[in-house]
């Protein structure tokens, strides 16, 4: 897909990978950005006046439905849907600072809202005359989990399976379902977590290149190595991530 003069819907575009994609894609396309932080969204508009912002809390499925309805009414033809927004809470179930309410928040933002947005925006995507892409930005933790962030790992694993199944469902249509499997990226979400992070710039470059080449499952950076290890020895791959 040539990423010029396209109508693109992007969730989580105010920081990290999402912000990087906005910076790269906004100058050449009509970008519709979904985010929950109003002040950050306003700052993004100052930097990119031509984007169309939508304030939405993806943890609230009623909010997701109303936002999708507004987008569908205002933008009946969408060329690319990028589901990028995600949240990760690190406390384990036996930690004193684990909060019960984060379970539904994490699942809704990382998984259920993605399923919902795709379904609700499907009429804007289906079109025999256009090539359309759905990109789900996923994590290598969707392949095998680490010790903490169990809900995050489960939501990413679910997204991996969902993306593959949805690909089967839509293979006879004009829509291609892609995934970007990213390693640890140097973003605000990963402050204080792990080492050997790749930069946002490198992650965005690889993600965008994968969209252009329509790579079904785009393993980025160190995630390529983990994929190979997982194929050769799932036990070894699991032990590597368990200790991360």
C-alpha atoms as a PDB file:
ATOM      1  CA  UNK A   1       0.000   0.000   0.000  1.00  0.00           C
ATOM      2  CA  UNK A   2       1.259   3.440  -0.911  1.00  0.00           C
ATOM      3  CA  UNK A   3       0.830   5.668   2.128  1.00  0.00           C
ATOM      4  CA  UNK A   4      -0.100   8.889   0.403  1.00  0.00           C
ATOM      5  CA  UNK A   5      -3.492  10.592   0.306  1.00  0.00           C
ATOM      6  CA  UNK A   6      -5.026   7.834   2.419  1.00  0.00           C
ATOM      7  CA  UNK A   7      -7.681   8.141   5.106  1.00  0.00           C
ATOM      8  CA  UNK A   8      -6.078   6.598   8.176  1.00  0.00           C
ATOM      9  CA  UNK A   9      -7.627   5.935  11.588  1.00  0.00           C
ATOM     10  CA  UNK A  10      -5.050   5.553  14.373  1.00  0.00           C
ATOM     11  CA  UNK A  11      -5.653   4.856  18.047  1.00  0.00           C
ATOM     12  CA  UNK A  12      -3.199   5.933  20.730  1.00  0.00           C
ATOM     13  CA  UNK A  13      -1.511   8.624  18.683  1.00  0.00           C
ATOM     14  CA  UNK A  14      -0.391  11.049  21.393  1.00  0.00           C
ATOM     15  CA  UNK A  15       2.751   9.305  22.653  1.00  0.00           C
ATOM     16  CA  UNK A  16       5.260   6.564  21.923  1.00  0.00           C
ATOM     17  CA  UNK A  17       4.879   4.557  18.723  1.00  0.00           C
ATOM     18  CA  UNK A  18       1.542   6.192  17.918  1.00  0.00           C
ATOM     19  CA  UNK A  19       2.994   9.696  18.104  1.00  0.00           C
ATOM     20  CA  UNK A  20       5.861   8.567  15.894  1.00  0.00           C
ATOM     21  CA  UNK A  21       3.436   7.241  13.305  1.00  0.00           C
ATOM     22  CA  UNK A  22       1.459  10.481  13.377  1.00  0.00           C
ATOM     23  CA  UNK A  23       4.647  12.443  12.743  1.00  0.00           C
ATOM     24  CA  UNK A  24       5.487  10.253   9.755  1.00  0.00           C
ATOM     25  CA  UNK A  25       2.054   9.755   8.211  1.00  0.00           C
ATOM     26  CA  UNK A  26       0.218  13.033   8.876  1.00  0.00           C
ATOM     27  CA  UNK A  27       2.061  15.167   6.286  1.00  0.00           C
ATOM     28  CA  UNK A  28       0.949  12.925   3.416  1.00  0.00           C
ATOM     29  CA  UNK A  29      -2.426  11.556   4.526  1.00  0.00           C
ATOM     30  CA  UNK A  30      -5.685  12.452   6.248  1.00  0.00           C
ATOM     31  CA  UNK A  31      -5.100  11.161   9.752  1.00  0.00           C
ATOM     32  CA  UNK A  32      -7.917  10.524  12.224  1.00  0.00           C
ATOM     33  CA  UNK A  33      -6.463  10.122  15.714  1.00  0.00           C
ATOM     34  CA  UNK A  34      -8.249   8.503  18.651  1.00  0.00           C
ATOM     35  CA  UNK A  35      -6.834   9.231  22.119  1.00  0.00           C
ATOM     36  CA  UNK A  36      -8.027   9.576  25.711  1.00  0.00           C
ATOM     37  CA  UNK A  37      -5.779  12.412  26.932  1.00  0.00           C
ATOM     38  CA  UNK A  38      -7.418  15.672  25.890  1.00  0.00           C
ATOM     39  CA  UNK A  39      -4.436  17.924  26.612  1.00  0.00           C
ATOM     40  CA  UNK A  40      -2.044  15.690  24.667  1.00  0.00           C
ATOM     41  CA  UNK A  41      -4.530  15.491  21.818  1.00  0.00           C
ATOM     42  CA  UNK A  42      -4.697  19.290  21.657  1.00  0.00           C
ATOM     43  CA  UNK A  43      -0.899  19.489  21.601  1.00  0.00           C
ATOM     44  CA  UNK A  44      -0.850  16.971  18.766  1.00  0.00           C
ATOM     45  CA  UNK A  45      -3.256  19.106  16.756  1.00  0.00           C
ATOM     46  CA  UNK A  46      -0.980  22.124  17.268  1.00  0.00           C
ATOM     47  CA  UNK A  47       1.866  20.144  15.685  1.00  0.00           C
ATOM     48  CA  UNK A  48      -0.320  18.638  12.960  1.00  0.00           C
ATOM     49  CA  UNK A  49      -3.269  20.999  12.301  1.00  0.00           C
ATOM     50  CA  UNK A  50      -4.681  18.832   9.493  1.00  0.00           C
ATOM     51  CA  UNK A  51      -5.370  15.756  11.621  1.00  0.00           C
ATOM     52  CA  UNK A  52      -8.878  15.042  12.877  1.00  0.00           C
ATOM     53  CA  UNK A  53      -8.899  14.280  16.632  1.00  0.00           C
ATOM     54  CA  UNK A  54     -11.423  12.157  18.506  1.00  0.00           C
ATOM     55  CA  UNK A  55     -11.377  12.055  22.287  1.00  0.00           C
ATOM     56  CA  UNK A  56     -12.204   8.537  23.447  1.00  0.00           C
ATOM     57  CA  UNK A  57     -11.567   6.361  26.479  1.00  0.00           C
ATOM     58  CA  UNK A  58     -10.984   2.922  24.943  1.00  0.00           C
ATOM     59  CA  UNK A  59     -11.524   1.292  28.336  1.00  0.00           C
ATOM     60  CA  UNK A  60     -15.172   2.398  28.117  1.00  0.00           C
ATOM     61  CA  UNK A  61     -16.905   0.358  25.424  1.00  0.00           C
ATOM     62  CA  UNK A  62     -19.880   2.730  25.258  1.00  0.00           C
ATOM     63  CA  UNK A  63     -17.420   5.518  24.491  1.00  0.00           C
ATOM     64  CA  UNK A  64     -15.810   3.319  21.837  1.00  0.00           C
ATOM     65  CA  UNK A  65     -19.181   2.695  20.189  1.00  0.00           C
ATOM     66  CA  UNK A  66     -20.169   6.377  20.121  1.00  0.00           C
ATOM     67  CA  UNK A  67     -16.758   7.416  18.775  1.00  0.00           C
ATOM     68  CA  UNK A  68     -16.864   4.757  16.059  1.00  0.00           C
ATOM     69  CA  UNK A  69     -20.328   5.984  15.092  1.00  0.00           C
ATOM     70  CA  UNK A  70     -19.052   9.555  14.728  1.00  0.00           C
ATOM     71  CA  UNK A  71     -16.066   8.447  12.674  1.00  0.00           C
ATOM     72  CA  UNK A  72     -18.252   6.346  10.376  1.00  0.00           C
ATOM     73  CA  UNK A  73     -20.622   9.246   9.775  1.00  0.00           C
ATOM     74  CA  UNK A  74     -17.859  11.758   9.088  1.00  0.00           C
ATOM     75  CA  UNK A  75     -15.471   9.468   7.220  1.00  0.00           C
ATOM     76  CA  UNK A  76     -17.417   6.858   5.232  1.00  0.00           C
ATOM     77  CA  UNK A  77     -14.305   5.575   3.445  1.00  0.00           C
ATOM     78  CA  UNK A  78     -11.282   4.481   5.482  1.00  0.00           C
ATOM     79  CA  UNK A  79      -8.155   3.082   3.820  1.00  0.00           C
ATOM     80  CA  UNK A  80      -6.128   2.059   6.853  1.00  0.00           C
ATOM     81  CA  UNK A  81      -7.115   1.288  10.441  1.00  0.00           C
ATOM     82  CA  UNK A  82      -4.168   1.140  12.857  1.00  0.00           C
ATOM     83  CA  UNK A  83      -5.022  -0.273  16.285  1.00  0.00           C
ATOM     84  CA  UNK A  84      -2.052   0.922  18.300  1.00  0.00           C
ATOM     85  CA  UNK A  85      -3.330   2.012  21.725  1.00  0.00           C
ATOM     86  CA  UNK A  86      -2.293  -0.196  24.634  1.00  0.00           C
ATOM     87  CA  UNK A  87      -1.708  -0.081  28.360  1.00  0.00           C
ATOM     88  CA  UNK A  88       0.399  -2.324  30.586  1.00  0.00           C
ATOM     89  CA  UNK A  89       0.194  -2.692  34.352  1.00  0.00           C
ATOM     90  CA  UNK A  90       3.146  -4.494  35.937  1.00  0.00           C
ATOM     91  CA  UNK A  91       2.014  -5.581  39.434  1.00  0.00           C
ATOM     92  CA  UNK A  92       1.425  -9.308  39.828  1.00  0.00           C
ATOM     93  CA  UNK A  93      -1.731 -10.703  41.374  1.00  0.00           C
ATOM     94  CA  UNK A  94       0.075 -11.221  44.688  1.00  0.00           C
ATOM     95  CA  UNK A  95       1.585  -7.710  44.874  1.00  0.00           C
ATOM     96  CA  UNK A  96       0.093  -5.284  47.389  1.00  0.00           C
ATOM     97  CA  UNK A  97      -0.311  -2.577  44.734  1.00  0.00           C
ATOM     98  CA  UNK A  98      -2.327  -4.720  42.300  1.00  0.00           C
ATOM     99  CA  UNK A  99      -5.673  -3.052  41.619  1.00  0.00           C
ATOM    100  CA  UNK A 100      -8.716  -5.124  40.663  1.00  0.00           C
ATOM    101  CA  UNK A 101     -10.171  -2.463  38.355  1.00  0.00           C
ATOM    102  CA  UNK A 102      -7.130  -2.595  36.082  1.00  0.00           C
ATOM    103  CA  UNK A 103      -8.159  -6.049  34.828  1.00  0.00           C
ATOM    104  CA  UNK A 104     -11.083  -4.787  32.758  1.00  0.00           C
ATOM    105  CA  UNK A 105      -9.218  -1.606  31.765  1.00  0.00           C
ATOM    106  CA  UNK A 106      -6.299  -3.548  30.334  1.00  0.00           C
ATOM    107  CA  UNK A 107      -8.468  -6.090  28.509  1.00  0.00           C
ATOM    108  CA  UNK A 108     -10.755  -3.436  27.039  1.00  0.00           C
ATOM    109  CA  UNK A 109      -7.976  -1.144  25.819  1.00  0.00           C
ATOM    110  CA  UNK A 110      -5.668  -3.873  24.528  1.00  0.00           C
ATOM    111  CA  UNK A 111      -8.227  -6.258  23.063  1.00  0.00           C
ATOM    112  CA  UNK A 112     -11.978  -5.668  23.296  1.00  0.00           C
ATOM    113  CA  UNK A 113     -11.899  -2.107  21.949  1.00  0.00           C
ATOM    114  CA  UNK A 114      -9.882  -3.325  18.949  1.00  0.00           C
ATOM    115  CA  UNK A 115     -12.464  -5.987  18.131  1.00  0.00           C
ATOM    116  CA  UNK A 116     -15.200  -3.387  18.600  1.00  0.00           C
ATOM    117  CA  UNK A 117     -13.594  -0.704  16.422  1.00  0.00           C
ATOM    118  CA  UNK A 118     -12.983  -3.164  13.604  1.00  0.00           C
ATOM    119  CA  UNK A 119     -16.564  -4.425  13.672  1.00  0.00           C
ATOM    120  CA  UNK A 120     -18.136  -0.976  13.974  1.00  0.00           C
ATOM    121  CA  UNK A 121     -15.955   0.562  11.242  1.00  0.00           C
ATOM    122  CA  UNK A 122     -16.219  -2.414   8.889  1.00  0.00           C
ATOM    123  CA  UNK A 123     -18.778  -0.705   6.598  1.00  0.00           C
ATOM    124  CA  UNK A 124     -16.198   2.063   6.038  1.00  0.00           C
ATOM    125  CA  UNK A 125     -13.522  -0.488   5.169  1.00  0.00           C
ATOM    126  CA  UNK A 126     -15.356  -2.905   2.892  1.00  0.00           C
ATOM    127  CA  UNK A 127     -15.164  -1.727  -0.719  1.00  0.00           C
ATOM    128  CA  UNK A 128     -14.393  -3.875  -3.770  1.00  0.00           C
ATOM    129  CA  UNK A 129     -12.732  -0.933  -5.527  1.00  0.00           C
ATOM    130  CA  UNK A 130     -10.183  -0.127  -2.800  1.00  0.00           C
ATOM    131  CA  UNK A 131      -7.311  -1.939  -1.131  1.00  0.00           C
ATOM    132  CA  UNK A 132      -7.770  -1.594   2.642  1.00  0.00           C
ATOM    133  CA  UNK A 133      -5.559  -2.638   5.550  1.00  0.00           C
ATOM    134  CA  UNK A 134      -6.226  -3.284   9.218  1.00  0.00           C
ATOM    135  CA  UNK A 135      -3.002  -3.204  11.247  1.00  0.00           C
ATOM    136  CA  UNK A 136      -2.972  -4.442  14.815  1.00  0.00           C
ATOM    137  CA  UNK A 137       0.155  -3.307  16.641  1.00  0.00           C
ATOM    138  CA  UNK A 138       1.003  -6.236  18.878  1.00  0.00           C
ATOM    139  CA  UNK A 139       3.803  -7.296  21.188  1.00  0.00           C
ATOM    140  CA  UNK A 140       6.221 -10.192  21.169  1.00  0.00           C
ATOM    141  CA  UNK A 141       4.504 -11.037  24.484  1.00  0.00           C
ATOM    142  CA  UNK A 142       1.578 -12.153  22.347  1.00  0.00           C
ATOM    143  CA  UNK A 143       3.766 -15.091  21.374  1.00  0.00           C
ATOM    144  CA  UNK A 144       4.902 -16.142  24.848  1.00  0.00           C
ATOM    145  CA  UNK A 145       4.429 -14.339  28.202  1.00  0.00           C
ATOM    146  CA  UNK A 146       6.708 -12.897  30.846  1.00  0.00           C
ATOM    147  CA  UNK A 147       6.256 -13.272  34.602  1.00  0.00           C
ATOM    148  CA  UNK A 148       4.561  -9.995  35.438  1.00  0.00           C
ATOM    149  CA  UNK A 149       1.859  -8.167  33.449  1.00  0.00           C
ATOM    150  CA  UNK A 150      -0.205 -11.344  33.083  1.00  0.00           C
ATOM    151  CA  UNK A 151      -3.292  -9.488  31.835  1.00  0.00           C
ATOM    152  CA  UNK A 152      -1.247  -7.560  29.280  1.00  0.00           C
ATOM    153  CA  UNK A 153       0.363 -10.773  28.005  1.00  0.00           C
ATOM    154  CA  UNK A 154      -3.020 -12.496  27.804  1.00  0.00           C
ATOM    155  CA  UNK A 155      -4.581  -9.589  25.922  1.00  0.00           C
ATOM    156  CA  UNK A 156      -1.705  -9.560  23.427  1.00  0.00           C
ATOM    157  CA  UNK A 157      -1.924 -13.331  22.997  1.00  0.00           C
ATOM    158  CA  UNK A 158      -5.638 -12.960  22.363  1.00  0.00           C
ATOM    159  CA  UNK A 159      -4.958 -10.199  19.842  1.00  0.00           C
ATOM    160  CA  UNK A 160      -2.526 -12.458  18.015  1.00  0.00           C
ATOM    161  CA  UNK A 161      -5.090 -15.255  17.654  1.00  0.00           C
ATOM    162  CA  UNK A 162      -7.889 -12.796  16.836  1.00  0.00           C
ATOM    163  CA  UNK A 163      -5.810 -11.177  14.093  1.00  0.00           C
ATOM    164  CA  UNK A 164      -5.104 -14.543  12.476  1.00  0.00           C
ATOM    165  CA  UNK A 165      -8.739 -15.623  12.612  1.00  0.00           C
ATOM    166  CA  UNK A 166      -9.985 -12.264  11.303  1.00  0.00           C
ATOM    167  CA  UNK A 167      -7.490 -12.605   8.447  1.00  0.00           C
ATOM    168  CA  UNK A 168      -9.203 -15.865   7.487  1.00  0.00           C
ATOM    169  CA  UNK A 169     -12.652 -14.279   7.725  1.00  0.00           C
ATOM    170  CA  UNK A 170     -11.740 -11.358   5.459  1.00  0.00           C
ATOM    171  CA  UNK A 171      -9.458 -13.128   2.960  1.00  0.00           C
ATOM    172  CA  UNK A 172     -12.142 -13.033   0.244  1.00  0.00           C
ATOM    173  CA  UNK A 173     -12.690  -9.283   0.694  1.00  0.00           C
ATOM    174  CA  UNK A 174     -10.642  -6.177  -0.125  1.00  0.00           C
ATOM    175  CA  UNK A 175      -9.300  -6.015   3.442  1.00  0.00           C
ATOM    176  CA  UNK A 176      -5.909  -7.344   4.542  1.00  0.00           C
ATOM    177  CA  UNK A 177      -5.294  -7.937   8.243  1.00  0.00           C
ATOM    178  CA  UNK A 178      -1.711  -7.345   9.364  1.00  0.00           C
ATOM    179  CA  UNK A 179       0.157  -7.465  12.646  1.00  0.00           C
ATOM    180  CA  UNK A 180       3.296  -5.680  13.809  1.00  0.00           C
ATOM    181  CA  UNK A 181       5.004  -7.680  16.547  1.00  0.00           C
ATOM    182  CA  UNK A 182       7.176  -5.187  18.378  1.00  0.00           C
ATOM    183  CA  UNK A 183       9.902  -5.846  20.979  1.00  0.00           C
ATOM    184  CA  UNK A 184      10.598  -3.563  23.925  1.00  0.00           C
ATOM    185  CA  UNK A 185      10.445   0.003  22.585  1.00  0.00           C
ATOM    186  CA  UNK A 186      11.754   3.101  24.346  1.00  0.00           C
ATOM    187  CA  UNK A 187       8.409   4.780  25.110  1.00  0.00           C
ATOM    188  CA  UNK A 188       6.825   6.395  28.182  1.00  0.00           C
ATOM    189  CA  UNK A 189       5.031   3.079  28.866  1.00  0.00           C
ATOM    190  CA  UNK A 190       8.329   1.185  29.222  1.00  0.00           C
ATOM    191  CA  UNK A 191      10.217   3.593  31.493  1.00  0.00           C
ATOM    192  CA  UNK A 192      12.150   1.572  34.051  1.00  0.00           C
ATOM    193  CA  UNK A 193      11.435  -1.728  32.303  1.00  0.00           C
ATOM    194  CA  UNK A 194      14.132  -3.927  30.832  1.00  0.00           C
ATOM    195  CA  UNK A 195      17.082  -3.036  28.629  1.00  0.00           C
ATOM    196  CA  UNK A 196      18.047  -3.240  24.981  1.00  0.00           C
ATOM    197  CA  UNK A 197      15.066  -1.179  23.876  1.00  0.00           C
ATOM    198  CA  UNK A 198      14.779  -0.029  20.295  1.00  0.00           C
ATOM    199  CA  UNK A 199      13.943   3.592  19.539  1.00  0.00           C
ATOM    200  CA  UNK A 200      10.502   4.778  18.532  1.00  0.00           C
ATOM    201  CA  UNK A 201      11.995   5.943  15.240  1.00  0.00           C
ATOM    202  CA  UNK A 202      13.253   2.453  14.387  1.00  0.00           C
ATOM    203  CA  UNK A 203       9.991   0.827  15.447  1.00  0.00           C
ATOM    204  CA  UNK A 204       7.906   3.230  13.364  1.00  0.00           C
ATOM    205  CA  UNK A 205      10.158   2.808  10.335  1.00  0.00           C
ATOM    206  CA  UNK A 206       9.744  -0.980  10.480  1.00  0.00           C
ATOM    207  CA  UNK A 207       5.987  -0.783  11.089  1.00  0.00           C
ATOM    208  CA  UNK A 208       5.418   1.594   8.174  1.00  0.00           C
ATOM    209  CA  UNK A 209       7.620  -0.483   5.893  1.00  0.00           C
ATOM    210  CA  UNK A 210       5.572  -3.548   6.851  1.00  0.00           C
ATOM    211  CA  UNK A 211       2.355  -1.736   5.931  1.00  0.00           C
ATOM    212  CA  UNK A 212       3.755  -0.729   2.555  1.00  0.00           C
ATOM    213  CA  UNK A 213       4.860  -4.306   1.840  1.00  0.00           C
ATOM    214  CA  UNK A 214       1.692  -5.760   3.405  1.00  0.00           C
ATOM    215  CA  UNK A 215       3.621  -8.132   5.661  1.00  0.00           C
ATOM    216  CA  UNK A 216       1.071 -10.345   7.416  1.00  0.00           C
ATOM    217  CA  UNK A 217       3.045 -10.770  10.657  1.00  0.00           C
ATOM    218  CA  UNK A 218       5.833  -8.214  10.845  1.00  0.00           C
ATOM    219  CA  UNK A 219       8.329  -9.261  13.514  1.00  0.00           C
ATOM    220  CA  UNK A 220      10.432  -6.230  14.392  1.00  0.00           C
ATOM    221  CA  UNK A 221      13.912  -6.039  15.928  1.00  0.00           C
ATOM    222  CA  UNK A 222      14.633  -8.690  18.562  1.00  0.00           C
ATOM    223  CA  UNK A 223      11.165 -10.168  18.123  1.00  0.00           C
ATOM    224  CA  UNK A 224      12.511 -11.840  14.946  1.00  0.00           C
ATOM    225  CA  UNK A 225      15.045 -13.755  17.011  1.00  0.00           C
ATOM    226  CA  UNK A 226      12.472 -14.757  19.616  1.00  0.00           C
ATOM    227  CA  UNK A 227      10.207 -16.045  16.846  1.00  0.00           C
ATOM    228  CA  UNK A 228      13.016 -18.292  15.585  1.00  0.00           C
ATOM    229  CA  UNK A 229      13.850 -19.505  19.100  1.00  0.00           C
ATOM    230  CA  UNK A 230      10.165 -20.206  19.756  1.00  0.00           C
ATOM    231  CA  UNK A 231       9.934 -22.334  16.626  1.00  0.00           C
ATOM    232  CA  UNK A 232      13.042 -24.334  17.548  1.00  0.00           C
ATOM    233  CA  UNK A 233      12.420 -24.577  21.291  1.00  0.00           C
ATOM    234  CA  UNK A 234       9.207 -23.170  22.801  1.00  0.00           C
ATOM    235  CA  UNK A 235      10.489 -24.047  26.286  1.00  0.00           C
ATOM    236  CA  UNK A 236      13.650 -21.973  25.803  1.00  0.00           C
ATOM    237  CA  UNK A 237      11.662 -19.033  24.449  1.00  0.00           C
ATOM    238  CA  UNK A 238       9.324 -19.176  27.422  1.00  0.00           C
ATOM    239  CA  UNK A 239      12.221 -19.264  29.879  1.00  0.00           C
ATOM    240  CA  UNK A 240      13.846 -16.246  28.207  1.00  0.00           C
ATOM    241  CA  UNK A 241      10.664 -14.167  28.511  1.00  0.00           C
ATOM    242  CA  UNK A 242       9.895 -15.460  32.013  1.00  0.00           C
ATOM    243  CA  UNK A 243      13.144 -13.933  33.260  1.00  0.00           C
ATOM    244  CA  UNK A 244      12.716 -10.625  31.411  1.00  0.00           C
END
